[in-house]
Protein backbone atom coordinates (compact mmCIF):
# COMPACT_ATOMS: atom_id res chain seq x y z
CA MET A 1 25.19 -70.43 42.07
CA PRO A 2 28.34 -69.83 40.60
CA THR A 3 29.55 -66.38 39.29
CA VAL A 4 31.75 -64.99 36.50
CA SER A 5 33.92 -62.23 36.82
CA TRP A 6 36.92 -61.00 34.95
CA ARG A 7 40.51 -60.55 36.36
CA ASN A 8 43.56 -59.36 33.86
CA GLY A 9 41.46 -60.36 30.65
CA THR A 10 40.71 -63.80 32.15
CA GLY A 11 37.48 -65.07 33.27
CA VAL A 12 37.41 -66.33 36.66
CA LEU A 13 34.55 -68.76 38.20
CA GLU A 14 33.83 -68.53 41.60
CA ILE A 15 31.56 -70.88 43.00
CA GLU A 16 30.32 -71.20 47.24
CA THR A 17 31.45 -73.69 49.14
CA MET A 18 28.52 -76.30 49.32
CA ARG A 19 26.90 -76.39 52.98
CA ALA A 20 27.22 -79.51 55.05
CA THR A 21 24.39 -81.39 55.10
CA GLU A 22 22.47 -83.13 57.95
CA THR A 23 23.01 -87.41 57.90
CA VAL A 24 19.41 -88.71 58.07
CA THR A 25 19.48 -92.20 60.23
CA ALA A 26 16.75 -94.62 60.97
CA THR A 27 15.55 -95.04 64.98
CA GLY A 28 13.96 -98.49 63.73
CA ILE A 29 12.43 -100.80 60.15
CA ASP A 30 9.68 -102.48 59.97
CA THR A 31 8.45 -104.54 56.56
CA THR A 32 5.12 -105.28 54.88
CA ASP A 33 4.27 -107.17 51.46
CA GLU A 34 3.93 -103.71 50.22
CA ALA A 35 6.65 -101.73 51.62
CA LEU A 36 9.35 -101.12 53.94
CA ILE A 37 8.56 -99.04 56.80
CA VAL A 38 11.53 -96.45 58.29
CA ARG A 39 10.99 -95.07 61.59
CA LEU A 40 13.30 -91.91 61.79
CA ALA A 41 12.93 -89.13 64.40
CA GLY A 42 9.81 -87.76 64.40
CA ARG A 43 8.54 -89.36 61.59
CA GLU A 44 7.56 -92.51 59.56
CA ALA A 45 8.49 -93.53 55.62
CA ARG A 46 6.74 -95.91 53.87
CA ILE A 47 8.94 -97.17 50.65
CA PRO A 48 7.27 -99.77 48.61
CA TRP A 49 9.55 -102.53 47.56
CA GLU A 50 9.52 -101.35 43.83
CA GLN A 51 11.66 -97.87 45.15
CA CYS A 52 14.09 -99.61 47.44
CA SER A 53 15.77 -101.75 44.73
CA PRO A 54 14.69 -104.01 41.72
CA ILE A 55 16.47 -107.33 44.35
CA LEU A 56 14.09 -106.41 46.67
CA ALA A 57 10.96 -105.52 44.33
CA ALA A 58 12.25 -109.18 43.13
CA ALA A 59 12.96 -110.66 46.74
CA THR A 60 10.19 -113.04 49.07
CA THR A 61 8.50 -111.83 52.20
CA GLU A 62 10.83 -113.89 54.11
CA GLN A 63 13.65 -112.43 52.31
CA ARG A 64 12.99 -109.15 52.99
CA CYS A 65 11.73 -109.69 56.43
CA ASN A 66 14.99 -110.92 57.57
CA ALA A 67 16.42 -107.23 57.75
CA GLU A 68 19.05 -105.76 59.65
CA LEU A 69 19.28 -102.33 60.66
CA SER A 70 22.72 -100.83 61.23
CA PRO A 71 24.06 -100.08 65.14
CA GLY A 72 24.02 -96.44 64.24
CA GLY A 73 20.75 -96.19 62.00
CA TYR A 74 22.77 -95.30 58.74
CA GLY A 75 21.97 -98.33 56.71
CA ILE A 76 19.79 -101.68 56.43
CA HIS A 77 20.97 -104.95 55.18
CA TRP A 78 19.12 -108.16 53.95
CA PRO A 79 21.61 -111.05 54.54
CA LEU A 80 19.67 -113.06 52.72
CA LEU A 81 19.53 -111.22 49.64
CA ASP A 82 23.27 -109.29 50.10
CA GLU A 83 21.67 -106.27 49.68
CA ASP A 84 22.48 -102.92 51.49
CA ILE A 85 20.41 -99.58 51.92
CA SER A 86 21.52 -96.32 53.21
CA ILE A 87 19.41 -94.61 55.14
CA GLY A 88 20.17 -91.50 53.62
CA GLY A 89 19.56 -92.88 50.11
CA LEU A 90 15.82 -94.08 50.73
CA VAL A 91 14.45 -91.15 52.18
CA GLY A 92 17.17 -88.09 52.28
């Protein structure tokens, strides 16, 4: 939380530096008719298509199933839709 102090009659706003956050990566993905399943270290997240993006919510099953996890596990690409989503944006 920022604090305000006074120096020589002038208000000085002091802000703590933000801590670095841990990057979220996936180890695998699966698709169902209802949701995207993201496998993470030690857990699984099931995200309904409506919560992923409007494009994925409106897509066909064939389009959704054609998904590629990036080599580092940072994002997912759907080539038939030209849609990209970061793992951190989905489950972070």
